[in-house]
N, C-alpha and C. Protein backbone atom coordinates (compact mmCIF):
# COMPACT_ATOMS: atom_id res chain seq x y z
N UNK A 1 0.60 -0.99 -0.01
CA UNK A 1 -0.15 0.27 -0.08
C UNK A 1 0.79 1.37 -0.24
N UNK A 2 0.60 2.14 -0.65
CA UNK A 2 1.14 3.41 -0.81
C UNK A 2 0.82 4.72 0.21
N UNK A 3 1.52 5.24 0.58
CA UNK A 3 1.13 6.28 1.87
C UNK A 3 -0.12 6.84 1.18
N UNK A 4 -0.63 7.62 0.00
CA UNK A 4 -1.48 8.26 -0.17
C UNK A 4 -2.89 7.23 0.09
N UNK A 5 -2.67 5.89 -0.45
CA UNK A 5 -3.97 5.20 0.36
C UNK A 5 -4.01 5.26 1.69
N UNK A 6 -2.93 4.58 2.43
CA UNK A 6 -3.30 5.20 3.99
C UNK A 6 -3.81 6.43 4.23
N UNK A 7 -3.45 7.40 3.73
CA UNK A 7 -3.83 8.79 4.34
C UNK A 7 -5.61 8.89 3.58
N UNK A 8 -5.95 8.42 2.63
CA UNK A 8 -7.31 8.36 2.16
C UNK A 8 -8.24 7.36 3.18
N UNK A 9 -7.70 6.35 3.47
CA UNK A 9 -8.44 5.33 4.47
C UNK A 9 -8.39 5.90 6.02
N UNK A 10 -7.56 6.68 6.43
CA UNK A 10 -7.55 7.42 7.91
C UNK A 10 -8.20 8.76 7.41
N UNK A 11 -8.38 9.35 6.50
CA UNK A 11 -9.42 10.35 6.00
C UNK A 11 -11.02 9.63 6.26
N UNK A 12 -11.14 8.56 5.68
CA UNK A 12 -12.31 7.90 5.65
C UNK A 12 -12.65 7.47 6.91
N UNK A 13 -12.14 6.98 7.67
CA UNK A 13 -12.13 6.36 9.11
C UNK A 13 -12.72 7.87 9.93
N UNK A 14 -12.10 8.65 9.72
CA UNK A 14 -12.11 9.87 10.47
C UNK A 14 -13.70 10.33 10.08
N UNK A 15 -14.22 10.20 8.55
CA UNK A 15 -15.46 10.86 8.39
C UNK A 15 -16.35 9.79 8.76
N UNK A 16 -16.33 8.84 8.96
CA UNK A 16 -17.05 7.86 9.50
C UNK A 16 -17.19 7.77 11.00
N UNK A 17 -16.30 8.30 11.52
CA UNK A 17 -16.38 8.31 13.27
C UNK A 17 -17.24 9.84 13.01
N UNK A 18 -17.02 10.92 12.41
CA UNK A 18 -17.84 11.84 12.65
C UNK A 18 -19.43 11.58 12.24
N UNK A 19 -19.85 11.07 10.86
CA UNK A 19 -20.93 10.68 10.75
C UNK A 19 -21.63 9.87 11.84
N UNK A 20 -20.80 9.05 12.73
CA UNK A 20 -21.36 8.12 13.52
C UNK A 20 -21.86 9.23 14.88
N UNK A 21 -20.86 9.96 15.22
CA UNK A 21 -20.89 10.80 16.00
C UNK A 21 -22.52 11.67 16.08
N UNK A 22 -22.58 11.96 14.68
CA UNK A 22 -23.95 12.87 14.21
C UNK A 22 -25.02 11.94 14.58
N UNK A 23 -25.32 10.90 14.24
CA UNK A 23 -26.02 9.95 14.08
C UNK A 23 -26.42 9.44 15.84
N UNK A 24 -25.58 9.67 16.04
CA UNK A 24 -25.43 9.77 17.85
C UNK A 24 -26.38 10.32 18.41
N UNK A 25 -26.08 11.96 17.86
CA UNK A 25 -26.69 13.04 18.65
C UNK A 25 -28.38 12.79 17.77
N UNK A 26 -28.49 12.55 16.58
CA UNK A 26 -29.87 12.54 16.23
C UNK A 26 -30.95 11.84 17.05
N UNK A 27 -30.33 10.82 17.01
CA UNK A 27 -30.87 9.66 18.15
C UNK A 27 -31.28 10.09 19.28
N UNK A 28 -30.67 10.83 19.76
CA UNK A 28 -30.46 11.25 21.55
C UNK A 28 -31.47 12.38 20.93
N UNK A 29 -31.37 13.25 20.27
CA UNK A 29 -32.35 14.06 19.87
C UNK A 29 -34.13 13.78 19.68
N UNK A 30 -33.52 13.11 18.92
CA UNK A 30 -35.18 12.20 18.80
C UNK A 30 -35.78 11.63 19.98
N UNK A 31 -35.06 10.73 20.96
CA UNK A 31 -35.46 9.93 21.59
C UNK A 31 -35.97 11.52 22.75
N UNK A 32 -35.03 12.55 23.07
CA UNK A 32 -35.68 13.07 24.28
C UNK A 32 -37.13 14.13 23.55
N UNK A 33 -37.08 14.26 22.09
CA UNK A 33 -38.45 15.02 21.53
C UNK A 33 -40.02 13.77 22.06
N UNK A 34 -39.21 12.29 21.67
CA UNK A 34 -40.32 11.28 21.93
C UNK A 34 -40.69 11.36 23.50
N UNK A 35 -39.73 11.65 24.10
CA UNK A 35 -39.66 11.29 26.02
C UNK A 35 -40.42 12.63 26.42
N UNK A 36 -40.44 13.77 25.83
CA UNK A 36 -40.82 14.97 26.06
C UNK A 36 -42.79 14.84 25.42
N UNK A 37 -42.56 15.22 24.08
CA UNK A 37 -44.07 14.97 23.51
C UNK A 37 -45.09 13.79 24.12
N UNK A 38 -44.65 12.60 24.39
CA UNK A 38 -45.81 11.74 24.41
C UNK A 38 -46.56 12.04 25.74
N UNK A 39 -45.55 11.81 27.07
CA UNK A 39 -46.44 12.10 28.03
C UNK A 39 -47.51 13.51 27.80
N UNK A 40 -47.26 14.41 27.31
CA UNK A 40 -47.83 15.56 26.76
C UNK A 40 -49.01 15.10 26.51
N UNK A 41 -49.27 14.50 25.09
CA UNK A 41 -50.22 14.25 24.23
C UNK A 41 -51.05 13.12 24.73
N UNK A 42 -50.28 11.96 26.02
CA UNK A 42 -51.56 11.01 26.29
C UNK A 42 -52.22 11.46 27.51
N UNK A 43 -51.43 12.62 28.25
CA UNK A 43 -52.19 13.31 29.62
C UNK A 43 -53.22 14.20 28.84
N UNK A 44 -53.09 14.66 28.08
CA UNK A 44 -53.78 15.70 27.20
C UNK A 44 -55.07 15.06 26.58
N UNK A 45 -54.67 14.20 25.75
CA UNK A 45 -55.77 13.47 25.08
C UNK A 45 -56.50 12.55 26.10
N UNK A 46 -55.90 11.91 27.28
CA UNK A 46 -56.86 11.28 27.88
C UNK A 46 -57.77 12.04 28.69
N UNK A 47 -57.08 13.34 29.18
CA UNK A 47 -58.01 14.55 29.83
C UNK A 47 -59.42 14.57 28.81
N UNK A 48 -58.90 14.93 27.47
CA UNK A 48 -59.79 15.47 26.28
C UNK A 48 -60.87 14.67 26.76
N UNK A 49 -60.43 12.88 26.58
CA UNK A 49 -61.52 12.11 26.54
C UNK A 49 -62.15 11.68 27.61
N UNK A 50 -61.69 12.15 28.61
CA UNK A 50 -62.57 11.61 29.98
C UNK A 50 -63.66 12.70 29.98
N UNK A 51 -63.23 13.68 29.62
CA UNK A 51 -64.34 15.29 29.73
C UNK A 51 -65.29 14.99 28.27
N UNK A 52 -65.00 14.53 27.51
CA UNK A 52 -65.95 14.07 26.59
C UNK A 52 -67.06 12.58 26.87
N UNK A 53 -66.24 11.70 27.46
CA UNK A 53 -66.97 10.19 27.93
C UNK A 53 -67.90 10.47 28.75
N UNK A 54 -67.17 10.95 30.35
CA UNK A 54 -67.81 11.31 31.20
C UNK A 54 -68.62 12.57 31.32
N UNK A 55 -68.40 13.48 30.79
CA UNK A 55 -69.09 14.54 31.13
C UNK A 55 -68.73 15.93 32.10
N UNK A 56 -67.20 15.59 32.48
CA UNK A 56 -66.84 16.32 32.99
C UNK A 56 -66.58 17.35 32.99
N UNK A 57 -66.37 18.78 33.87
CA UNK A 57 -66.06 19.94 33.43
C UNK A 57 -64.59 20.22 32.86
N UNK A 58 -64.05 21.27 32.53
CA UNK A 58 -62.97 21.55 32.14
C UNK A 58 -61.87 21.87 32.80
N UNK A 59 -62.03 21.42 34.30
CA UNK A 59 -60.99 21.07 35.58
C UNK A 59 -60.06 19.73 35.05
N UNK A 60 -60.87 18.89 34.28
CA UNK A 60 -60.09 17.81 34.25
C UNK A 60 -59.31 17.93 33.06
N UNK A 61 -59.25 18.44 31.97
CA UNK A 61 -58.30 19.15 31.11
C UNK A 61 -56.89 19.61 31.88
N UNK A 62 -57.46 20.83 32.70
CA UNK A 62 -56.26 21.44 33.21
C UNK A 62 -55.94 20.31 33.92
N UNK A 63 -55.99 19.71 34.44
CA UNK A 63 -55.23 18.32 35.61
C UNK A 63 -54.13 17.89 34.55
N UNK A 64 -54.84 17.44 33.51
CA UNK A 64 -54.17 16.71 32.42
C UNK A 64 -52.58 17.48 31.95
N UNK A 65 -53.19 18.94 31.54
CA UNK A 65 -52.24 19.53 30.81
C UNK A 65 -51.04 19.89 32.28
N UNK A 66 -51.44 19.78 33.30
CA UNK A 66 -50.21 19.95 34.39
C UNK A 66 -49.79 18.84 34.64
N UNK A 67 -50.26 17.95 34.54
CA UNK A 67 -49.55 16.66 34.81
C UNK A 67 -48.93 16.17 33.65
N UNK A 68 -49.45 16.36 32.29
CA UNK A 68 -48.40 16.20 31.28
C UNK A 68 -47.51 17.17 31.15
N UNK A 69 -47.17 18.34 31.42
CA UNK A 69 -46.26 19.11 31.69
C UNK A 69 -45.31 19.02 32.61
N UNK A 70 -45.65 18.42 33.95
CA UNK A 70 -44.95 17.80 35.04
C UNK A 70 -44.23 16.80 34.11
N UNK A 71 -44.79 15.32 33.93
CA UNK A 71 -44.07 14.16 33.48
C UNK A 71 -43.11 14.71 32.54
N UNK A 72 -43.25 15.97 31.39
CA UNK A 72 -42.72 15.87 30.43
C UNK A 72 -41.69 17.05 30.69
N UNK A 73 -41.30 17.36 31.97
CA UNK A 73 -40.09 18.44 32.35
C UNK A 73 -39.64 17.19 33.14
N UNK A 74 -40.01 16.36 33.75
CA UNK A 74 -39.10 15.51 34.15
C UNK A 74 -38.51 14.48 33.37
N UNK A 75 -39.08 14.07 32.61
CA UNK A 75 -38.17 13.43 31.38
C UNK A 75 -37.16 14.09 30.73
N UNK A 76 -37.27 15.34 30.40
CA UNK A 76 -36.39 16.19 29.90
C UNK A 76 -35.30 16.16 31.18
N UNK A 77 -35.32 16.32 32.29
CA UNK A 77 -34.45 16.66 33.29
C UNK A 77 -33.66 15.12 33.19
N UNK A 78 -34.29 13.96 33.16
CA UNK A 78 -33.87 12.75 33.38
C UNK A 78 -32.78 12.44 32.01
N UNK A 79 -33.51 12.60 31.02
CA UNK A 79 -32.61 12.65 29.90
C UNK A 79 -31.43 13.11 29.76
N UNK A 80 -31.40 14.64 30.54
CA UNK A 80 -30.24 15.66 29.84
C UNK A 80 -29.36 15.07 31.41
N UNK A 81 -29.87 14.57 32.37
CA UNK A 81 -29.13 13.87 33.56
C UNK A 81 -28.17 12.74 32.97
N UNK A 82 -29.01 11.66 31.73
CA UNK A 82 -28.40 10.71 31.33
C UNK A 82 -27.30 11.01 30.33
N UNK A 83 -27.64 12.07 29.69
CA UNK A 83 -26.42 12.24 28.63
C UNK A 83 -25.59 12.84 29.18
N UNK A 84 -25.83 13.57 30.36
CA UNK A 84 -24.71 14.29 31.32
C UNK A 84 -23.53 13.11 31.63
N UNK A 85 -24.28 12.26 32.35
CA UNK A 85 -23.41 11.07 32.73
C UNK A 85 -22.47 10.32 32.13
N UNK A 86 -23.20 9.90 30.60
CA UNK A 86 -22.66 9.21 29.29
C UNK A 86 -21.56 10.41 28.93
N UNK A 87 -21.60 11.34 28.73
CA UNK A 87 -20.80 12.38 28.50
C UNK A 87 -19.42 12.31 29.41
N UNK A 88 -19.64 12.18 31.06
CA UNK A 88 -18.84 12.79 31.90
C UNK A 88 -17.86 11.15 31.50
N UNK A 89 -18.56 9.68 31.15
CA UNK A 89 -17.82 8.48 30.99
C UNK A 89 -16.92 8.88 29.99
N UNK A 90 -17.19 9.10 28.79
CA UNK A 90 -16.14 9.22 27.55
C UNK A 90 -15.25 10.40 28.10
N UNK A 91 -15.45 11.44 29.03
CA UNK A 91 -14.42 12.25 29.11
C UNK A 91 -13.33 11.37 30.17
N UNK A 92 -13.90 10.90 31.04
CA UNK A 92 -12.91 10.12 31.99
C UNK A 92 -12.47 8.92 31.32
N UNK A 93 -12.90 8.27 30.61
CA UNK A 93 -12.03 7.20 29.85
C UNK A 93 -10.92 8.07 28.94
N UNK A 94 -11.15 9.33 28.35
CA UNK A 94 -10.23 9.52 27.26
C UNK A 94 -9.33 10.35 28.26
N UNK A 95 -9.40 10.85 29.40
CA UNK A 95 -8.48 11.75 30.29
C UNK A 95 -8.03 10.48 31.63
N UNK A 96 -8.27 9.65 31.71
CA UNK A 96 -7.31 8.77 32.66
C UNK A 96 -6.12 7.97 32.15
N UNK A 97 -5.07 8.31 32.38
CA UNK A 97 -4.13 7.96 32.70
C UNK A 97 -3.30 7.77 33.18
N UNK A 98 -2.96 6.41 33.22
CA UNK A 98 -2.51 5.80 34.76
C UNK A 98 -0.76 5.09 34.21
N UNK A 99 -0.17 6.27 35.06
CA UNK A 99 1.36 6.57 34.64
C UNK A 99 2.21 5.46 35.81
N UNK A 100 3.30 5.22 35.47
CA UNK A 100 4.16 4.36 36.70
C UNK A 100 3.89 4.57 38.25
N UNK A 101 4.45 6.28 38.20
CA UNK A 101 4.53 6.48 39.56
C UNK A 101 2.96 6.96 40.22
N UNK A 102 2.12 6.75 39.49
CA UNK A 102 0.64 7.14 39.94
C UNK A 102 -0.38 5.88 40.59
N UNK A 103 0.04 4.81 40.22
CA UNK A 103 -0.50 4.00 40.66
C UNK A 103 -0.54 3.56 42.01
N UNK A 104 -1.45 2.85 42.54
CA UNK A 104 -1.25 2.75 44.22
C UNK A 104 -0.94 1.14 44.45
């Protein structure tokens, strides 16, 4: 193999790594969006169904909206905490170097 082929493969591998990082970020963002939107939709939809089905007042919709927003905020917080935890593990892996004199 010539040096130019090695350089091409190295550049190609970097491109694959970058695209995988982008894909991973896209998956996280999609999961975050679903985790926030679904509870809100389920609680509001359920409240509207209860209101129509059992002729309840509009207070049930307000309760559904409050519960939906509360759960959406909790899911957002949980996902951000998990993302931070994963990011810290990656940083810890990259920066933790054990030297001969540093071992216990």
